[in-house]
Amino acid sequence: MELKHSLALIMRRLSLVLGVLALLVLFGIHAHPASAATSPSFVRIIHASSFVGTADVFVDGSKLLSSFAFGAVTDYATIPPGPHKVQIALVGKGIGASALTETLTVNPGSAYTVAAIGTQANNLSLQVFVDNNVLATGTTKFRVYQLSPDAGSMTVAAGGQTLVNGISYQNASNYLVIPAGAYTFAANSSANNATLSTSATLAANKVASLFVVGMFNGIPKSALVTTQAAGLPGVPNTGSDPNALSPTQSAPSLTPWSWSLGIASLLLLASGLLLRKVILKRSERSR
């Protein structure tokens, strides 16, 4: 009698453990892909069009930026992945008077710099750069964007050392990893025999950008604009959450073994409950 009672107790506990395991396996299968599918995109905008003055920026029909001045750079904003209609109009003119309308398609988990460029009404456009904001710990990541229409090929140096050589209009350099600290950047335009300079203190664990904007032979005048990005929300190794799931990593997927384990656990749970019921009935008959 005691043996049968002990066996029934063991089967009851085993059934409970297997049931919990089954629920964990099946819940894990469905939970991860849902979180990966909702990864946002990250976009920042720079106003680099010498034709468009201070502007309002609309995304999907809603105003995103107001009084967006030439040379201004936004922080990264999160937007859903997929296509988005971007419109730029002179400040106060409204979306119906947009000077530029384009559809921008962005991928989940990716970061972009979008430059509004153009020198006249018939060549306004959005130049899209794919950014890589993964950091090199303890250093600064640095990139140059050449957005000056009449600058020609440019060379950028700092402290007597050439950082970027021969970057042309509408292009961005490769990323450089440089020590944090104070820099004076000199951007030389051989086509105009002219040099622009600016100073900036670059912080460690940030992504720094140097934008060449404006006209060497026109208005607005050419200038250098620097920014530093602290990181992207939820993206590991970008200064925000080092433990987050990387957008480039695939979340745990629906594999055959996980299906099998879940189904086997449920079957064992059912058989354990059935066996327990049989043992209890036999125990009652023998009393």
Protein backbone atom coordinates (compact mmCIF):
# COMPACT_ATOMS: atom_id res chain seq x y z
CA MET A 1 0.00 0.00 0.00
CA GLU A 2 2.73 2.43 0.96
CA LEU A 3 4.67 1.58 -2.20
CA LYS A 4 1.69 2.34 -4.39
CA HIS A 5 1.06 5.61 -2.55
CA SER A 6 4.73 6.65 -2.95
CA LEU A 7 4.66 5.77 -6.64
CA ALA A 8 1.53 7.85 -7.13
CA LEU A 9 3.18 10.80 -5.34
CA ILE A 10 6.30 10.50 -7.53
CA MET A 11 4.22 10.41 -10.70
CA ARG A 12 2.27 13.44 -9.56
CA ARG A 13 5.45 15.46 -9.04
CA LEU A 14 6.91 14.24 -12.32
CA SER A 15 3.76 15.28 -14.15
CA LEU A 16 3.96 18.74 -12.61
CA VAL A 17 7.63 19.20 -13.60
CA LEU A 18 7.00 18.03 -17.17
CA GLY A 19 3.99 20.32 -17.45
CA VAL A 20 6.03 23.35 -16.41
CA LEU A 21 8.78 22.35 -18.86
CA ALA A 22 6.25 22.07 -21.68
CA LEU A 23 4.86 25.51 -20.97
CA LEU A 24 8.33 27.07 -20.79
CA VAL A 25 9.39 25.49 -24.09
CA LEU A 26 6.25 26.48 -25.97
CA PHE A 27 6.18 29.99 -24.48
CA GLY A 28 9.85 30.51 -25.36
CA ILE A 29 9.22 29.45 -28.95
CA HIS A 30 6.58 32.11 -29.51
CA ALA A 31 7.91 34.95 -27.36
CA HIS A 32 11.27 35.73 -28.96
CA PRO A 33 10.30 36.15 -32.62
CA ALA A 34 7.60 38.65 -31.63
CA SER A 35 10.15 40.90 -29.89
CA ALA A 36 12.60 40.69 -32.81
CA ALA A 37 9.89 41.61 -35.31
CA THR A 38 9.23 44.89 -33.52
CA SER A 39 12.80 46.26 -33.77
CA PRO A 40 12.52 49.92 -34.82
CA SER A 41 14.67 51.83 -37.30
CA PHE A 42 16.81 54.83 -36.33
CA VAL A 43 16.96 57.96 -38.50
CA ARG A 44 18.57 61.37 -38.16
CA ILE A 45 18.30 64.22 -40.66
CA ILE A 46 20.73 66.95 -41.70
CA HIS A 47 19.66 70.03 -43.66
CA ALA A 48 22.36 70.41 -46.33
CA SER A 49 20.41 71.93 -49.23
CA SER A 50 21.66 75.36 -50.23
CA PHE A 51 18.40 75.93 -52.15
CA VAL A 52 15.92 75.26 -49.36
CA GLY A 53 15.98 77.81 -46.55
CA THR A 54 14.64 77.23 -43.05
CA ALA A 55 12.15 74.41 -43.47
CA ASP A 56 9.47 72.24 -41.93
CA VAL A 57 9.86 68.47 -42.29
CA PHE A 58 6.88 66.13 -42.55
CA VAL A 59 6.93 62.32 -42.26
CA ASP A 60 3.86 60.35 -43.34
CA GLY A 61 1.80 63.54 -43.32
CA SER A 62 2.72 64.67 -39.80
CA LYS A 63 5.15 67.45 -38.94
CA LEU A 64 8.39 66.01 -37.57
CA LEU A 65 10.53 69.16 -37.45
CA SER A 66 9.66 72.85 -37.40
CA SER A 67 11.98 75.71 -38.42
CA PHE A 68 14.74 73.28 -39.45
CA ALA A 69 17.70 75.54 -40.27
CA PHE A 70 20.48 74.94 -42.77
CA GLY A 71 23.33 72.93 -41.23
CA ALA A 72 21.18 71.56 -38.40
CA VAL A 73 21.43 67.88 -37.49
CA THR A 74 18.78 66.04 -35.50
CA ASP A 75 19.32 63.30 -32.95
CA TYR A 76 18.41 59.76 -33.99
CA ALA A 77 14.65 59.20 -33.87
CA THR A 78 13.00 55.79 -33.77
CA ILE A 79 10.50 55.04 -36.52
CA PRO A 80 8.78 51.81 -37.60
CA PRO A 81 10.60 49.87 -40.33
CA GLY A 82 9.21 50.06 -43.85
CA PRO A 83 8.43 52.86 -46.33
CA HIS A 84 7.86 56.44 -45.13
CA LYS A 85 6.88 59.52 -47.10
CA VAL A 86 9.21 62.44 -46.32
CA GLN A 87 8.31 66.00 -47.36
CA ILE A 88 10.25 69.22 -46.86
CA ALA A 89 8.63 72.65 -47.25
CA LEU A 90 9.73 76.20 -46.56
CA VAL A 91 8.88 77.13 -43.00
CA GLY A 92 5.24 78.09 -42.59
CA LYS A 93 4.24 77.18 -46.15
CA GLY A 94 2.61 73.89 -45.18
CA ILE A 95 2.81 70.36 -46.51
CA GLY A 96 0.97 71.34 -49.71
CA ALA A 97 3.91 73.54 -50.73
CA SER A 98 6.59 70.88 -50.27
CA ALA A 99 9.74 71.54 -52.27
CA LEU A 100 10.87 67.93 -51.82
CA THR A 101 8.85 64.72 -51.56
CA GLU A 102 10.45 61.28 -51.42
CA THR A 103 9.67 57.84 -50.04
CA LEU A 104 12.32 56.46 -47.71
CA THR A 105 12.36 52.76 -46.88
CA VAL A 106 14.17 51.72 -43.69
CA ASN A 107 15.04 48.29 -42.28
CA PRO A 108 14.42 47.10 -38.71
CA GLY A 109 17.34 47.68 -36.36
CA SER A 110 19.29 49.78 -38.88
CA ALA A 111 20.53 53.36 -38.41
CA TYR A 112 20.54 56.03 -41.12
CA THR A 113 21.72 59.57 -41.75
CA VAL A 114 19.42 61.28 -44.26
CA ALA A 115 20.74 64.46 -45.90
CA ALA A 116 18.48 66.92 -47.70
CA ILE A 117 20.64 68.15 -50.58
CA GLY A 118 20.33 70.13 -53.79
CA THR A 119 21.16 73.55 -55.20
CA GLN A 120 17.98 74.24 -57.18
CA ALA A 121 14.39 73.08 -57.50
CA ASN A 122 15.09 70.40 -60.09
CA ASN A 123 17.84 68.57 -58.18
CA LEU A 124 16.53 68.43 -54.62
CA SER A 125 16.81 64.95 -53.11
CA LEU A 126 17.45 62.89 -50.01
CA GLN A 127 20.88 61.29 -49.79
CA VAL A 128 20.72 58.25 -47.48
CA PHE A 129 23.73 56.86 -45.61
CA VAL A 130 23.64 53.62 -43.64
CA ASP A 131 25.35 54.17 -40.31
CA ASN A 132 27.21 51.73 -38.07
CA ASN A 133 27.07 52.95 -34.49
CA VAL A 134 28.72 49.98 -32.81
CA LEU A 135 31.43 51.45 -30.61
CA ALA A 136 35.06 50.64 -29.97
CA THR A 137 35.26 50.75 -26.16
CA GLY A 138 37.26 53.66 -24.73
CA THR A 139 37.71 55.38 -28.12
CA THR A 140 35.76 57.58 -30.51
CA LYS A 141 34.33 56.38 -33.80
CA PHE A 142 34.66 59.08 -36.49
CA ARG A 143 33.15 59.60 -39.95
CA VAL A 144 33.12 62.43 -42.52
CA TYR A 145 30.12 63.28 -44.75
CA GLN A 146 30.88 65.45 -47.81
CA LEU A 147 27.71 67.46 -48.57
CA SER A 148 29.17 70.60 -50.17
CA PRO A 149 28.17 70.74 -53.89
CA ASP A 150 31.09 72.82 -55.17
CA ALA A 151 33.86 71.59 -52.85
CA GLY A 152 35.15 68.90 -55.19
CA SER A 153 37.34 66.21 -53.65
CA MET A 154 38.23 67.02 -50.04
CA THR A 155 40.94 65.96 -47.60
CA VAL A 156 40.35 66.09 -43.84
CA ALA A 157 43.25 66.26 -41.39
CA ALA A 158 43.79 66.82 -37.66
CA GLY A 159 47.01 67.44 -35.77
CA GLY A 160 49.03 67.21 -38.96
CA GLN A 161 47.69 63.73 -39.71
CA THR A 162 45.44 62.99 -42.70
CA LEU A 163 42.27 61.23 -41.59
CA VAL A 164 40.28 61.15 -44.83
CA ASN A 165 41.73 61.61 -48.30
CA GLY A 166 39.79 62.40 -51.49
CA ILE A 167 36.13 62.33 -50.44
CA SER A 168 33.73 63.67 -53.06
CA TYR A 169 30.24 65.20 -52.94
CA GLN A 170 27.37 63.02 -51.64
CA ASN A 171 29.76 60.49 -50.11
CA ALA A 172 30.73 59.45 -46.61
CA SER A 173 34.09 58.13 -45.46
CA ASN A 174 34.76 54.82 -43.80
CA TYR A 175 34.64 54.87 -40.02
CA LEU A 176 37.86 55.62 -38.16
CA VAL A 177 38.61 54.69 -34.56
CA ILE A 178 40.56 57.52 -32.95
CA PRO A 179 41.51 58.44 -29.36
CA ALA A 180 39.09 60.66 -27.47
CA GLY A 181 40.27 64.22 -26.91
CA ALA A 182 40.45 67.73 -28.36
CA TYR A 183 40.87 68.08 -32.13
CA THR A 184 41.13 70.86 -34.68
CA PHE A 185 39.87 69.53 -38.01
CA ALA A 186 41.04 71.05 -41.30
CA ALA A 187 39.03 70.20 -44.45
CA ASN A 188 40.82 71.21 -47.64
CA SER A 189 39.11 71.76 -51.00
CA SER A 190 41.74 71.54 -53.73
CA ALA A 191 39.17 72.68 -56.31
CA ASN A 192 38.80 75.99 -54.49
CA ASN A 193 42.26 76.22 -52.90
CA ALA A 194 40.50 76.79 -49.58
CA THR A 195 40.47 75.19 -46.15
CA LEU A 196 37.70 75.04 -43.55
CA SER A 197 38.49 74.40 -39.90
CA THR A 198 36.64 73.68 -36.69
CA SER A 199 37.54 72.46 -33.20
CA ALA A 200 35.76 69.82 -31.16
CA THR A 201 36.40 67.70 -28.09
CA LEU A 202 35.46 64.12 -28.86
CA ALA A 203 34.26 61.96 -25.99
CA ALA A 204 35.06 58.30 -25.50
CA ASN A 205 32.41 55.70 -26.34
CA LYS A 206 30.63 57.95 -28.83
CA VAL A 207 30.23 58.14 -32.59
CA ALA A 208 31.41 61.51 -33.95
CA SER A 209 30.45 62.93 -37.35
CA LEU A 210 31.96 65.77 -39.37
CA PHE A 211 29.69 67.22 -42.08
CA VAL A 212 30.96 69.51 -44.85
CA VAL A 213 28.04 71.71 -45.93
CA GLY A 214 27.39 74.94 -47.85
CA MET A 215 28.96 76.60 -50.88
CA PHE A 216 32.55 77.71 -51.40
CA ASN A 217 31.30 80.04 -54.16
CA GLY A 218 27.81 80.99 -53.06
CA ILE A 219 25.33 81.19 -50.21
CA PRO A 220 25.06 79.77 -47.60
CA LYS A 221 28.80 79.75 -47.11
CA SER A 222 30.65 76.49 -46.65
CA ALA A 223 31.18 75.27 -43.09
CA LEU A 224 32.02 72.25 -40.97
CA VAL A 225 29.41 70.82 -38.60
CA THR A 226 30.30 68.29 -35.90
CA THR A 227 28.00 66.04 -33.87
CA GLN A 228 28.43 63.18 -31.41
CA ALA A 229 25.93 60.37 -30.94
CA ALA A 230 25.70 58.78 -27.51
CA GLY A 231 23.96 55.64 -28.69
CA LEU A 232 20.77 54.10 -29.99
CA PRO A 233 17.98 52.92 -27.68
CA GLY A 234 18.13 49.17 -27.16
CA VAL A 235 21.08 48.59 -29.49
CA PRO A 236 24.07 46.92 -27.79
CA ASN A 237 27.53 48.51 -27.80
CA THR A 238 26.21 51.94 -28.85
CA GLY A 239 26.32 53.58 -25.46
CA SER A 240 22.79 52.68 -24.40
CA ASP A 241 22.12 49.06 -23.38
CA PRO A 242 25.13 46.73 -23.67
CA ASN A 243 22.98 43.71 -22.80
CA ALA A 244 20.22 44.22 -25.35
CA LEU A 245 19.58 41.84 -28.22
CA SER A 246 21.50 43.03 -31.24
CA PRO A 247 19.40 43.84 -34.35
CA THR A 248 21.86 41.73 -36.38
CA GLN A 249 21.33 38.72 -34.15
CA SER A 250 18.44 36.43 -34.90
CA ALA A 251 16.17 35.66 -32.00
CA PRO A 252 15.65 32.01 -31.04
CA SER A 253 13.61 30.42 -33.81
CA LEU A 254 11.15 27.62 -34.28
CA THR A 255 13.42 24.58 -34.60
CA PRO A 256 12.41 20.92 -34.98
CA TRP A 257 13.98 19.93 -31.66
CA SER A 258 12.08 22.60 -29.77
CA TRP A 259 8.80 21.45 -31.30
CA SER A 260 9.67 17.84 -30.41
CA LEU A 261 10.60 18.71 -26.86
CA GLY A 262 7.39 20.64 -26.35
CA ILE A 263 5.19 17.88 -27.78
CA ALA A 264 7.06 15.14 -25.88
CA SER A 265 6.68 17.08 -22.64
CA LEU A 266 2.93 17.41 -23.16
CA LEU A 267 2.59 13.70 -23.97
CA LEU A 268 4.55 12.75 -20.86
CA LEU A 269 2.38 15.09 -18.83
CA ALA A 270 -0.78 13.40 -20.14
CA SER A 271 0.59 9.87 -19.63
CA GLY A 272 1.77 10.73 -16.13
CA LEU A 273 -1.68 11.97 -15.17
CA LEU A 274 -3.30 8.85 -16.65
CA LEU A 275 -0.89 6.52 -14.82
CA ARG A 276 -1.50 8.35 -11.56
CA LYS A 277 -5.25 7.91 -12.02
CA VAL A 278 -4.86 4.14 -12.62
CA ILE A 279 -2.64 3.67 -9.57
CA LEU A 280 -5.08 5.55 -7.35
CA LYS A 281 -8.00 3.40 -8.58
CA ARG A 282 -6.09 0.17 -7.89
CA SER A 283 -5.12 1.48 -4.49
CA GLU A 284 -8.78 2.13 -3.63
CA ARG A 285 -9.85 -1.39 -4.79
CA SER A 286 -7.21 -3.08 -2.62
CA ARG A 287 -8.38 -1.38 0.54
